[in-house]
Structure formats: structure tokens, C-alpha cells
Amino acid sequence: VHVDAAYAGLNRYRVGDILRVTGFYNSAPQFHFVRRKNVLLSIDSDKTDESELQQAVENASSLLKNFHTSVVEYTSYADTKTIPGHYVIYWELLIKDSADSPTDDALNQCCLAMEESLNSVYRQGRVECNSIGPLEIRVVQSGTFEELMDYAISRGASINQYKVPRCVNYTPIMELLDARVVSSHFSPSLPHWSPERRR
């Protein structure tokens, strides 16, 4: 049985968290945490959901305003083939003036800005535990996400209901994205994290 934490009166959980009832103490249910709702990315004990990823992309993309560049679309995946594993974010950019494209350094700083926007468990994994590697942004060619939609439609998706997946792990889609990568960028330093003070 799964119980929505919103109805369980448990204030240390988020609305939508999935819990499992493991038993009862007197008549009160005992819970085991199962997962966050809408978790997209996870390498270790970190859990990143869609809204958190969206906020991180928005925060990072603000660094591109000086280059008159914006993020048209994005998706992500948790690369666990590397040691340690790391988040990979695919960005399709709209660059208004190719003579003023974002520099490598600016895109590296976007990686760090995304990491700074992620939760403390992610940042602890990066800084203290070394269980998560530097976040990577892979910039893809213009039109890549249109190709992604065409591929989904060719496999039976409805054009009216199609939404860009915010996380991918299906091999043909990964191959399509990786074949369109024009540059890769990594976080140049560790995000800020400090242990909570114990009283």
C-alpha cells in the first residue's frame, strides 16, 4: 500500500512523496520512504524532480542573456557509466548573433549555476561524498528536439499530446541526441555546500 505523504500528516516529507506502510505501532501506521514524486534524476541518494530541474535550467540560462542566447529546449539523463556518475543536460540554444556566441567559460559557468540550484543532498554528494561527478551540459544542433518529436511520432506518439521528455534513457533517443552534440561543458568547480550544524 502506498500512502501520499500529504494526507499522512508528516511534515518532513513533500507533497506527493510516496511512502509504504510497514506496520503499526499501537494504531499509528509506521512508514518507509519509497521515493519522491516525479523524480527525474538520481545517481546516489540524490533525487531531482522536474520542477527543480526546470528551476536550475532557468537560473543557469540567465547567464546567457549577455550573449543574446536562450535555451530553446532541454532534456537530461543520469549517466551512471562514468565513475562517479553525473547528470547530463542536453541544451538546444537559440543564438541571435553567431558572432557573439556563448563562450566555453560561460557554458561551464552554466553547469555550476545548475549545480548551485540543486538540492543539498545533490551538493553533498558532489562536495563531501564524491559520489556524483561534475554536471555536464551538451549543446546540440538547432532542430534536434524537432527530430526527437518526429522520432516519437514515428513510433506512435500523438502530435497533439507530445511533450518533450525531461529525462531520457531509451538508447535510440540517446544515440540521436549524442549524434547532434556540438560541444560539451562541465562544471569547473564544486558547488557550495556545508554540513548542517548539530545542536
N, C-alpha and C. Protein backbone atom coordinates (compact mmCIF):
# COMPACT_ATOMS: atom_id res chain seq x y z
N VAL A 1 0.85 -1.18 0.00
CA VAL A 1 0.00 0.00 0.00
C VAL A 1 0.89 1.23 0.00
N HIS A 2 0.62 2.15 -0.92
CA HIS A 2 1.35 3.42 -0.95
C HIS A 2 0.46 4.50 -0.34
N VAL A 3 1.07 5.38 0.43
CA VAL A 3 0.33 6.45 1.08
C VAL A 3 0.93 7.78 0.65
N ASP A 4 0.08 8.70 0.23
CA ASP A 4 0.55 10.03 -0.14
C ASP A 4 0.87 10.80 1.13
N ALA A 5 2.10 11.30 1.23
CA ALA A 5 2.54 11.97 2.46
C ALA A 5 1.70 13.19 2.79
N ALA A 6 1.07 13.79 1.77
CA ALA A 6 0.26 14.98 2.00
C ALA A 6 -0.90 14.68 2.95
N TYR A 7 -1.36 13.42 2.92
CA TYR A 7 -2.51 13.06 3.75
C TYR A 7 -2.10 12.36 5.03
N ALA A 8 -0.80 12.18 5.21
CA ALA A 8 -0.35 11.40 6.35
C ALA A 8 0.05 12.27 7.54
N GLY A 9 0.02 13.60 7.36
CA GLY A 9 0.38 14.50 8.44
C GLY A 9 1.86 14.46 8.78
N LEU A 10 2.70 14.17 7.80
CA LEU A 10 4.14 14.07 8.04
C LEU A 10 4.83 15.28 7.43
N ASN A 11 5.24 16.22 8.28
CA ASN A 11 5.71 17.49 7.73
C ASN A 11 7.15 17.46 7.22
N ARG A 12 7.90 16.38 7.42
CA ARG A 12 9.25 16.38 6.85
C ARG A 12 9.29 15.84 5.43
N TYR A 13 8.14 15.40 4.94
CA TYR A 13 8.05 14.93 3.57
C TYR A 13 7.40 16.00 2.71
N ARG A 14 7.61 15.87 1.39
CA ARG A 14 7.00 16.81 0.46
C ARG A 14 5.65 16.28 -0.02
N VAL A 15 4.79 17.18 -0.46
CA VAL A 15 3.52 16.78 -1.04
C VAL A 15 3.82 15.89 -2.25
N GLY A 16 3.17 14.74 -2.30
CA GLY A 16 3.37 13.83 -3.41
C GLY A 16 4.40 12.75 -3.16
N ASP A 17 5.17 12.84 -2.07
CA ASP A 17 6.11 11.78 -1.76
C ASP A 17 5.37 10.45 -1.60
N ILE A 18 6.01 9.38 -2.02
CA ILE A 18 5.40 8.05 -1.93
C ILE A 18 5.99 7.33 -0.72
N LEU A 19 5.11 6.89 0.18
CA LEU A 19 5.52 6.16 1.38
C LEU A 19 4.87 4.79 1.38
N ARG A 20 5.50 3.82 2.06
CA ARG A 20 4.91 2.49 2.20
C ARG A 20 4.64 2.25 3.68
N VAL A 21 3.44 1.78 3.99
CA VAL A 21 3.13 1.42 5.37
C VAL A 21 3.82 0.08 5.66
N THR A 22 4.70 0.08 6.69
CA THR A 22 5.47 -1.13 7.00
C THR A 22 4.95 -1.85 8.24
N GLY A 23 4.03 -1.23 8.94
CA GLY A 23 3.48 -1.85 10.14
C GLY A 23 2.77 -0.81 10.97
N PHE A 24 2.39 -1.22 12.18
CA PHE A 24 1.66 -0.30 13.05
C PHE A 24 2.28 -0.32 14.44
N TYR A 25 2.30 0.85 15.08
CA TYR A 25 2.70 0.95 16.47
C TYR A 25 1.46 1.43 17.20
N ASN A 26 0.90 0.60 18.10
CA ASN A 26 -0.46 0.81 18.61
C ASN A 26 -1.36 0.90 17.39
N SER A 27 -2.05 2.00 17.18
CA SER A 27 -2.88 2.08 15.98
C SER A 27 -2.30 3.04 14.94
N ALA A 28 -1.10 3.56 15.22
CA ALA A 28 -0.48 4.51 14.29
C ALA A 28 0.35 3.78 13.24
N PRO A 29 0.16 4.12 11.94
CA PRO A 29 0.94 3.45 10.90
C PRO A 29 2.42 3.86 10.95
N GLN A 30 3.31 2.92 10.65
CA GLN A 30 4.75 3.18 10.53
C GLN A 30 5.06 3.22 9.04
N PHE A 31 5.84 4.23 8.62
CA PHE A 31 6.09 4.44 7.19
C PHE A 31 7.53 4.17 6.81
N HIS A 32 7.72 3.76 5.55
CA HIS A 32 9.03 3.66 4.94
C HIS A 32 9.00 4.54 3.70
N PHE A 33 9.97 5.46 3.58
CA PHE A 33 10.04 6.34 2.42
C PHE A 33 10.38 5.51 1.18
N VAL A 34 9.61 5.68 0.10
CA VAL A 34 9.86 4.94 -1.14
C VAL A 34 10.56 5.82 -2.16
N ARG A 35 9.94 6.95 -2.52
CA ARG A 35 10.56 7.84 -3.49
C ARG A 35 9.82 9.16 -3.53
N ARG A 36 10.48 10.15 -4.09
CA ARG A 36 9.84 11.42 -4.35
C ARG A 36 8.94 11.27 -5.58
N LYS A 37 7.89 12.05 -5.61
CA LYS A 37 7.03 12.08 -6.78
C LYS A 37 7.78 12.77 -7.92
N ASN A 38 7.65 12.26 -9.12
CA ASN A 38 8.21 12.87 -10.32
C ASN A 38 9.74 12.99 -10.30
N VAL A 39 10.43 12.04 -9.65
CA VAL A 39 11.89 12.08 -9.67
C VAL A 39 12.37 11.80 -11.08
N LEU A 40 13.23 12.69 -11.59
CA LEU A 40 13.79 12.51 -12.92
C LEU A 40 15.19 11.93 -12.87
N LEU A 41 16.02 12.51 -12.01
CA LEU A 41 17.44 12.20 -11.99
C LEU A 41 17.88 11.72 -10.62
N SER A 42 18.73 10.70 -10.61
CA SER A 42 19.29 10.21 -9.35
C SER A 42 20.54 9.41 -9.67
N ILE A 43 21.63 9.73 -8.96
CA ILE A 43 22.88 8.99 -9.12
C ILE A 43 23.13 8.15 -7.88
N ASP A 44 22.99 8.79 -6.71
CA ASP A 44 23.28 8.13 -5.44
C ASP A 44 22.03 8.27 -4.57
N SER A 45 22.11 9.04 -3.50
CA SER A 45 20.93 9.28 -2.67
C SER A 45 20.22 10.56 -3.08
N ASP A 46 20.76 11.27 -4.07
CA ASP A 46 20.15 12.49 -4.60
C ASP A 46 18.88 12.16 -5.37
N LYS A 47 17.92 13.07 -5.32
CA LYS A 47 16.67 12.92 -6.06
C LYS A 47 16.32 14.29 -6.61
N THR A 48 16.28 14.42 -7.93
CA THR A 48 15.96 15.69 -8.57
C THR A 48 14.67 15.52 -9.36
N ASP A 49 13.67 16.35 -9.04
CA ASP A 49 12.39 16.24 -9.74
C ASP A 49 12.32 17.27 -10.87
N GLU A 50 11.21 17.23 -11.62
CA GLU A 50 11.08 18.05 -12.81
C GLU A 50 11.09 19.54 -12.50
N SER A 51 10.40 19.95 -11.44
CA SER A 51 10.34 21.38 -11.13
C SER A 51 11.71 21.91 -10.69
N GLU A 52 12.46 21.10 -9.97
CA GLU A 52 13.80 21.51 -9.53
C GLU A 52 14.74 21.62 -10.73
N LEU A 53 14.64 20.66 -11.65
CA LEU A 53 15.47 20.72 -12.85
C LEU A 53 15.12 21.94 -13.69
N GLN A 54 13.81 22.21 -13.83
CA GLN A 54 13.36 23.39 -14.59
C GLN A 54 13.92 24.67 -13.98
N GLN A 55 13.87 24.79 -12.66
CA GLN A 55 14.39 25.98 -11.99
C GLN A 55 15.90 26.11 -12.20
N ALA A 56 16.61 24.99 -12.14
CA ALA A 56 18.06 25.01 -12.34
C ALA A 56 18.41 25.47 -13.76
N VAL A 57 17.65 24.98 -14.75
CA VAL A 57 17.87 25.40 -16.14
C VAL A 57 17.60 26.90 -16.30
N GLU A 58 16.51 27.38 -15.70
CA GLU A 58 16.19 28.81 -15.79
C GLU A 58 17.28 29.66 -15.15
N ASN A 59 17.75 29.25 -13.97
CA ASN A 59 18.80 30.01 -13.29
C ASN A 59 20.08 30.05 -14.12
N ALA A 60 20.46 28.91 -14.67
CA ALA A 60 21.69 28.84 -15.46
C ALA A 60 21.56 29.60 -16.77
N SER A 61 20.41 29.50 -17.42
CA SER A 61 20.25 30.14 -18.72
C SER A 61 20.27 31.67 -18.62
N SER A 62 20.02 32.19 -17.43
CA SER A 62 20.09 33.65 -17.26
C SER A 62 21.51 34.17 -17.51
N LEU A 63 22.51 33.29 -17.37
CA LEU A 63 23.90 33.68 -17.63
C LEU A 63 24.16 33.88 -19.12
N LEU A 64 23.22 33.45 -19.97
CA LEU A 64 23.41 33.56 -21.41
C LEU A 64 22.82 34.84 -21.99
N LYS A 65 22.14 35.63 -21.15
CA LYS A 65 21.49 36.85 -21.65
C LYS A 65 22.48 37.82 -22.28
N ASN A 66 23.69 37.92 -21.69
CA ASN A 66 24.71 38.83 -22.25
C ASN A 66 25.13 38.44 -23.65
N PHE A 67 24.89 37.17 -24.01
CA PHE A 67 25.24 36.68 -25.34
C PHE A 67 24.00 36.65 -26.25
N HIS A 68 22.89 37.24 -25.78
CA HIS A 68 21.62 37.24 -26.54
C HIS A 68 21.26 35.83 -26.98
N THR A 69 21.40 34.91 -26.03
CA THR A 69 21.17 33.49 -26.28
C THR A 69 20.18 32.96 -25.25
N SER A 70 19.33 32.04 -25.68
CA SER A 70 18.38 31.43 -24.75
C SER A 70 18.33 29.92 -24.99
N VAL A 71 17.83 29.20 -24.00
CA VAL A 71 17.65 27.75 -24.11
C VAL A 71 16.28 27.49 -24.72
N VAL A 72 16.27 26.86 -25.89
CA VAL A 72 15.01 26.58 -26.59
C VAL A 72 14.33 25.37 -25.96
N GLU A 73 15.11 24.30 -25.78
CA GLU A 73 14.60 23.07 -25.19
C GLU A 73 15.72 22.36 -24.45
N TYR A 74 15.33 21.44 -23.59
CA TYR A 74 16.33 20.67 -22.87
C TYR A 74 15.75 19.32 -22.46
N THR A 75 16.65 18.39 -22.22
CA THR A 75 16.31 17.13 -21.58
C THR A 75 17.53 16.69 -20.79
N SER A 76 17.45 15.54 -20.12
CA SER A 76 18.53 15.15 -19.22
C SER A 76 18.61 13.64 -19.10
N TYR A 77 19.71 13.18 -18.54
CA TYR A 77 19.77 11.79 -18.08
C TYR A 77 20.87 11.66 -17.04
N ALA A 78 20.75 10.64 -16.22
CA ALA A 78 21.74 10.35 -15.19
C ALA A 78 22.71 9.34 -15.76
N ASP A 79 23.93 9.78 -16.04
CA ASP A 79 24.94 8.91 -16.63
C ASP A 79 25.65 8.15 -15.52
N THR A 80 25.32 6.88 -15.39
CA THR A 80 25.93 6.05 -14.35
C THR A 80 27.04 5.17 -14.90
N LYS A 81 27.39 5.37 -16.17
CA LYS A 81 28.50 4.62 -16.75
C LYS A 81 29.84 5.21 -16.33
N THR A 82 29.86 6.50 -16.03
CA THR A 82 31.08 7.12 -15.55
C THR A 82 31.21 6.86 -14.05
N ILE A 83 32.43 6.97 -13.54
CA ILE A 83 32.65 6.81 -12.09
C ILE A 83 33.32 8.08 -11.58
N PRO A 84 32.70 8.85 -10.71
CA PRO A 84 31.31 8.65 -10.29
C PRO A 84 30.33 9.06 -11.40
N GLY A 85 29.07 8.66 -11.25
CA GLY A 85 28.05 9.06 -12.20
C GLY A 85 27.82 10.56 -12.16
N HIS A 86 27.20 11.09 -13.20
CA HIS A 86 26.93 12.54 -13.23
C HIS A 86 25.70 12.85 -14.05
N TYR A 87 25.13 14.03 -13.82
CA TYR A 87 23.97 14.49 -14.59
C TYR A 87 24.46 15.03 -15.94
N VAL A 88 23.73 14.66 -16.99
CA VAL A 88 23.98 15.20 -18.33
C VAL A 88 22.71 15.95 -18.75
N ILE A 89 22.88 17.21 -19.13
CA ILE A 89 21.75 18.03 -19.57
C ILE A 89 21.98 18.41 -21.03
N TYR A 90 21.04 18.07 -21.90
CA TYR A 90 21.13 18.44 -23.31
C TYR A 90 20.40 19.77 -23.51
N TRP A 91 21.10 20.74 -24.08
CA TRP A 91 20.51 22.06 -24.35
C TRP A 91 20.51 22.33 -25.84
N GLU A 92 19.37 22.78 -26.36
CA GLU A 92 19.32 23.38 -27.69
C GLU A 92 19.21 24.88 -27.48
N LEU A 93 20.14 25.62 -28.09
CA LEU A 93 20.21 27.06 -27.87
C LEU A 93 19.71 27.84 -29.07
N LEU A 94 19.14 29.00 -28.79
CA LEU A 94 18.80 29.97 -29.83
C LEU A 94 19.80 31.11 -29.68
N ILE A 95 20.71 31.21 -30.64
CA ILE A 95 21.77 32.23 -30.61
C ILE A 95 21.41 33.28 -31.65
N LYS A 96 21.12 34.50 -31.19
CA LYS A 96 20.66 35.55 -32.11
C LYS A 96 21.77 36.09 -33.00
N ASP A 97 23.01 36.08 -32.49
CA ASP A 97 24.15 36.59 -33.26
C ASP A 97 25.30 35.60 -33.12
N SER A 98 25.58 34.87 -34.21
CA SER A 98 26.61 33.82 -34.14
C SER A 98 28.00 34.40 -33.85
N ALA A 99 28.18 35.69 -34.13
CA ALA A 99 29.47 36.33 -33.83
C ALA A 99 29.62 36.57 -32.32
N ASP A 100 28.50 36.45 -31.60
CA ASP A 100 28.52 36.70 -30.15
C ASP A 100 28.00 35.46 -29.41
N SER A 101 28.44 34.28 -29.85
CA SER A 101 28.01 33.02 -29.22
C SER A 101 28.57 32.92 -27.80
N PRO A 102 27.88 32.18 -26.92
CA PRO A 102 28.39 31.99 -25.57
C PRO A 102 29.77 31.33 -25.59
N THR A 103 30.66 31.79 -24.75
CA THR A 103 32.00 31.23 -24.67
C THR A 103 31.96 29.89 -23.92
N ASP A 104 33.04 29.13 -24.07
CA ASP A 104 33.16 27.88 -23.31
C ASP A 104 33.07 28.16 -21.82
N ASP A 105 33.74 29.23 -21.38
CA ASP A 105 33.73 29.55 -19.96
C ASP A 105 32.31 29.86 -19.47
N ALA A 106 31.55 30.60 -20.29
CA ALA A 106 30.17 30.93 -19.90
C ALA A 106 29.33 29.67 -19.77
N LEU A 107 29.50 28.72 -20.68
CA LEU A 107 28.73 27.48 -20.62
C LEU A 107 29.18 26.60 -19.45
N ASN A 108 30.49 26.62 -19.14
CA ASN A 108 30.96 25.92 -17.95
C ASN A 108 30.32 26.51 -16.69
N GLN A 109 30.22 27.84 -16.66
CA GLN A 109 29.60 28.51 -15.51
C GLN A 109 28.11 28.18 -15.43
N CYS A 110 27.47 27.92 -16.57
CA CYS A 110 26.07 27.49 -16.56
C CYS A 110 25.94 26.14 -15.85
N CYS A 111 26.92 25.25 -16.06
CA CYS A 111 26.92 23.95 -15.38
C CYS A 111 26.96 24.16 -13.87
N LEU A 112 27.86 25.04 -13.43
CA LEU A 112 27.99 25.31 -12.00
C LEU A 112 26.72 25.96 -11.45
N ALA A 113 26.14 26.89 -12.22
CA ALA A 113 24.90 27.54 -11.77
C ALA A 113 23.78 26.53 -11.60
N MET A 114 23.72 25.53 -12.47
CA MET A 114 22.71 24.48 -12.31
C MET A 114 22.97 23.71 -11.02
N GLU A 115 24.23 23.36 -10.77
CA GLU A 115 24.55 22.62 -9.56
C GLU A 115 24.21 23.42 -8.30
N GLU A 116 24.47 24.71 -8.33
CA GLU A 116 24.16 25.57 -7.18
C GLU A 116 22.65 25.61 -6.93
N SER A 117 21.86 25.36 -7.98
CA SER A 117 20.40 25.41 -7.87
C SER A 117 19.79 24.10 -7.38
N LEU A 118 20.58 23.04 -7.38
CA LEU A 118 20.06 21.73 -6.99
C LEU A 118 20.08 21.57 -5.47
N ASN A 119 19.38 20.57 -4.97
CA ASN A 119 19.17 20.41 -3.53
C ASN A 119 20.45 20.05 -2.78
N SER A 120 20.39 20.16 -1.47
CA SER A 120 21.59 19.98 -0.63
C SER A 120 22.10 18.54 -0.66
N VAL A 121 21.20 17.56 -0.88
CA VAL A 121 21.65 16.17 -0.95
C VAL A 121 22.53 15.97 -2.19
N TYR A 122 22.12 16.58 -3.32
CA TYR A 122 22.95 16.53 -4.54
C TYR A 122 24.30 17.19 -4.27
N ARG A 123 24.28 18.40 -3.69
CA ARG A 123 25.53 19.14 -3.47
C ARG A 123 26.43 18.43 -2.46
N GLN A 124 25.83 17.75 -1.47
CA GLN A 124 26.63 16.98 -0.53
C GLN A 124 27.32 15.82 -1.26
N GLY A 125 26.60 15.18 -2.18
CA GLY A 125 27.18 14.09 -2.97
C GLY A 125 28.35 14.56 -3.81
N ARG A 126 28.27 15.80 -4.28
CA ARG A 126 29.36 16.38 -5.08
C ARG A 126 30.55 16.75 -4.20
N VAL A 127 30.27 17.39 -3.06
CA VAL A 127 31.33 18.02 -2.26
C VAL A 127 31.93 17.07 -1.22
N GLU A 128 31.09 16.48 -0.40
CA GLU A 128 31.59 15.69 0.73
C GLU A 128 31.80 14.22 0.37
N CYS A 129 30.85 13.64 -0.33
CA CYS A 129 30.88 12.19 -0.57
C CYS A 129 31.63 11.81 -1.85
N ASN A 130 31.80 12.77 -2.76
CA ASN A 130 32.41 12.48 -4.07
C ASN A 130 31.69 11.35 -4.80
N SER A 131 30.39 11.23 -4.56
CA SER A 131 29.61 10.16 -5.19
C SER A 131 28.94 10.62 -6.48
N ILE A 132 29.05 11.92 -6.79
CA ILE A 132 28.47 12.49 -8.01
C ILE A 132 29.54 13.33 -8.69
N GLY A 133 29.72 13.11 -9.99
CA GLY A 133 30.70 13.86 -10.76
C GLY A 133 30.15 15.20 -11.22
N PRO A 134 31.02 16.05 -11.81
CA PRO A 134 30.59 17.37 -12.28
C PRO A 134 29.46 17.28 -13.30
N LEU A 135 28.47 18.15 -13.16
CA LEU A 135 27.36 18.21 -14.10
C LEU A 135 27.88 18.59 -15.48
N GLU A 136 27.29 17.98 -16.51
CA GLU A 136 27.70 18.22 -17.89
C GLU A 136 26.53 18.78 -18.70
N ILE A 137 26.79 19.83 -19.47
CA ILE A 137 25.82 20.33 -20.45
C ILE A 137 26.35 19.98 -21.83
N ARG A 138 25.52 19.30 -22.61
CA ARG A 138 25.85 19.00 -24.01
C ARG A 138 24.96 19.86 -24.89
N VAL A 139 25.57 20.76 -25.63
CA VAL A 139 24.82 21.62 -26.55
C VAL A 139 24.60 20.84 -27.85
N VAL A 140 23.34 20.80 -28.28
CA VAL A 140 23.00 20.06 -29.51
C VAL A 140 22.65 21.03 -30.63
N GLN A 141 22.71 20.53 -31.85
CA GLN A 141 22.42 21.33 -33.04
C GLN A 141 20.99 21.86 -33.01
N SER A 142 20.79 22.98 -33.66
CA SER A 142 19.44 23.53 -33.83
C SER A 142 18.58 22.52 -34.58
N GLY A 143 17.37 22.30 -34.12
CA GLY A 143 16.45 21.37 -34.76
C GLY A 143 16.47 19.97 -34.17
N THR A 144 17.36 19.73 -33.21
CA THR A 144 17.48 18.39 -32.62
C THR A 144 16.19 17.96 -31.93
N PHE A 145 15.55 18.87 -31.20
CA PHE A 145 14.35 18.48 -30.47
C PHE A 145 13.15 18.30 -31.40
N GLU A 146 13.20 18.93 -32.58
CA GLU A 146 12.19 18.68 -33.59
C GLU A 146 12.35 17.24 -34.11
N GLU A 147 13.61 16.84 -34.32
CA GLU A 147 13.89 15.45 -34.73
C GLU A 147 13.41 14.46 -33.67
N LEU A 148 13.60 14.84 -32.42
CA LEU A 148 13.16 13.99 -31.31
C LEU A 148 11.65 13.80 -31.36
N MET A 149 10.93 14.88 -31.64
CA MET A 149 9.47 14.81 -31.76
C MET A 149 9.08 13.94 -32.96
N ASP A 150 9.77 14.13 -34.10
CA ASP A 150 9.47 13.33 -35.29
C ASP A 150 9.67 11.84 -35.00
N TYR A 151 10.73 11.54 -34.25
CA TYR A 151 11.01 10.13 -33.90
C TYR A 151 9.88 9.58 -33.04
N ALA A 152 9.44 10.36 -32.04
CA ALA A 152 8.37 9.90 -31.15
C ALA A 152 7.07 9.68 -31.93
N ILE A 153 6.77 10.58 -32.86
CA ILE A 153 5.55 10.46 -33.66
C ILE A 153 5.63 9.24 -34.58
N SER A 154 6.83 8.98 -35.11
CA SER A 154 7.00 7.81 -35.98
C SER A 154 6.80 6.51 -35.20
N ARG A 155 6.94 6.58 -33.88
CA ARG A 155 6.74 5.41 -33.02
C ARG A 155 5.35 5.39 -32.40
N GLY A 156 4.45 6.26 -32.87
CA GLY A 156 3.07 6.19 -32.45
C GLY A 156 2.59 7.28 -31.51
N ALA A 157 3.45 8.21 -31.13
CA ALA A 157 3.02 9.30 -30.25
C ALA A 157 2.09 10.24 -31.01
N SER A 158 1.15 10.83 -30.29
CA SER A 158 0.23 11.79 -30.89
C SER A 158 0.89 13.15 -30.98
N ILE A 159 0.82 13.79 -32.14
CA ILE A 159 1.45 15.10 -32.31
C ILE A 159 0.80 16.14 -31.39
N ASN A 160 -0.49 15.96 -31.10
CA ASN A 160 -1.20 16.93 -30.24
C ASN A 160 -0.86 16.77 -28.76
N GLN A 161 -0.44 15.57 -28.37
CA GLN A 161 -0.16 15.32 -26.96
C GLN A 161 1.33 15.19 -26.66
N TYR A 162 2.16 15.34 -27.68
CA TYR A 162 3.61 15.17 -27.47
C TYR A 162 4.17 16.27 -26.58
N LYS A 163 4.97 15.86 -25.61
CA LYS A 163 5.71 16.80 -24.77
C LYS A 163 7.16 16.34 -24.75
N VAL A 164 8.08 17.30 -24.76
CA VAL A 164 9.50 16.95 -24.70
C VAL A 164 9.75 16.21 -23.39
N PRO A 165 10.34 15.01 -23.45
CA PRO A 165 10.66 14.31 -22.20
C PRO A 165 11.76 15.06 -21.47
N ARG A 166 11.60 15.26 -20.18
CA ARG A 166 12.61 15.99 -19.40
C ARG A 166 13.72 15.08 -18.92
N CYS A 167 13.53 13.77 -19.10
CA CYS A 167 14.59 12.81 -18.79
C CYS A 167 14.49 11.69 -19.82
N VAL A 168 15.63 11.26 -20.34
CA VAL A 168 15.63 10.20 -21.34
C VAL A 168 16.59 9.09 -20.90
N ASN A 169 16.26 7.85 -21.31
CA ASN A 169 17.19 6.73 -21.08
C ASN A 169 17.00 5.63 -22.12
N TYR A 170 16.22 5.93 -23.16
CA TYR A 170 15.96 4.96 -24.22
C TYR A 170 17.10 5.08 -25.24
N THR A 171 17.79 3.98 -25.52
CA THR A 171 19.03 4.02 -26.30
C THR A 171 18.90 4.74 -27.64
N PRO A 172 17.89 4.47 -28.49
CA PRO A 172 17.82 5.19 -29.77
C PRO A 172 17.71 6.71 -29.60
N ILE A 173 17.02 7.16 -28.56
CA ILE A 173 16.91 8.61 -28.31
C ILE A 173 18.25 9.16 -27.86
N MET A 174 18.94 8.41 -27.00
CA MET A 174 20.27 8.84 -26.55
C MET A 174 21.22 8.95 -27.74
N GLU A 175 21.14 7.97 -28.64
CA GLU A 175 22.01 7.99 -29.81
C GLU A 175 21.71 9.17 -30.71
N LEU A 176 20.42 9.47 -30.88
CA LEU A 176 20.03 10.64 -31.68
C LEU A 176 20.60 11.92 -31.08
N LEU A 177 20.42 12.08 -29.76
CA LEU A 177 20.91 13.29 -29.10
C LEU A 177 22.43 13.38 -29.19
N ASP A 178 23.12 12.29 -28.88
CA ASP A 178 24.58 12.32 -28.87
C ASP A 178 25.16 12.56 -30.26
N ALA A 179 24.45 12.14 -31.30
CA ALA A 179 24.92 12.38 -32.66
C ALA A 179 24.80 13.85 -33.06
N ARG A 180 24.02 14.61 -32.31
CA ARG A 180 23.80 16.04 -32.63
C ARG A 180 24.58 16.98 -31.71
N VAL A 181 25.40 16.43 -30.81
CA VAL A 181 26.14 17.28 -29.86
C VAL A 181 27.21 18.07 -30.59
N VAL A 182 27.24 19.39 -30.34
CA VAL A 182 28.26 20.24 -30.95
C VAL A 182 29.34 20.65 -29.95
N SER A 183 29.01 20.62 -28.66
CA SER A 183 30.03 20.93 -27.64
C SER A 183 29.57 20.38 -26.28
N SER A 184 30.56 20.04 -25.45
CA SER A 184 30.28 19.54 -24.09
C SER A 184 30.98 20.43 -23.08
N HIS A 185 30.31 20.66 -21.96
CA HIS A 185 30.84 21.56 -20.93
C HIS A 185 30.59 20.95 -19.57
N PHE A 186 31.54 21.16 -18.66
CA PHE A 186 31.45 20.60 -17.31
C PHE A 186 31.56 21.70 -16.27
N SER A 187 30.96 21.43 -15.13
CA SER A 187 31.08 22.36 -14.00
C SER A 187 32.56 22.50 -13.65
N PRO A 188 33.07 23.75 -13.57
CA PRO A 188 34.50 23.96 -13.35
C PRO A 188 34.94 23.85 -11.90
N SER A 189 33.99 23.84 -10.98
CA SER A 189 34.34 23.75 -9.56
C SER A 189 33.18 23.13 -8.79
N LEU A 190 33.41 22.92 -7.51
CA LEU A 190 32.37 22.32 -6.67
C LEU A 190 31.33 23.36 -6.28
N PRO A 191 30.05 22.97 -6.20
CA PRO A 191 29.03 23.90 -5.71
C PRO A 191 29.21 24.13 -4.22
N HIS A 192 28.57 25.17 -3.71
CA HIS A 192 28.63 25.46 -2.28
C HIS A 192 27.82 24.42 -1.51
N TRP A 193 28.41 23.91 -0.46
CA TRP A 193 27.69 23.02 0.46
C TRP A 193 28.40 23.04 1.80
N SER A 194 27.64 23.10 2.86
CA SER A 194 28.24 22.99 4.20
C SER A 194 27.31 22.16 5.07
N PRO A 195 27.89 21.33 5.94
CA PRO A 195 27.05 20.46 6.78
C PRO A 195 26.20 21.29 7.73
N GLU A 196 25.00 20.78 7.99
CA GLU A 196 24.13 21.49 8.95
C GLU A 196 24.75 21.37 10.35
N ARG A 197 24.65 22.44 11.08
CA ARG A 197 25.17 22.42 12.45
C ARG A 197 24.30 21.56 13.33
N ARG A 198 24.96 20.71 14.13
CA ARG A 198 24.21 19.88 15.06
C ARG A 198 24.13 20.61 16.39
N ARG A 199 22.96 20.58 16.99
CA ARG A 199 22.77 21.25 18.29
C ARG A 199 23.07 20.29 19.42
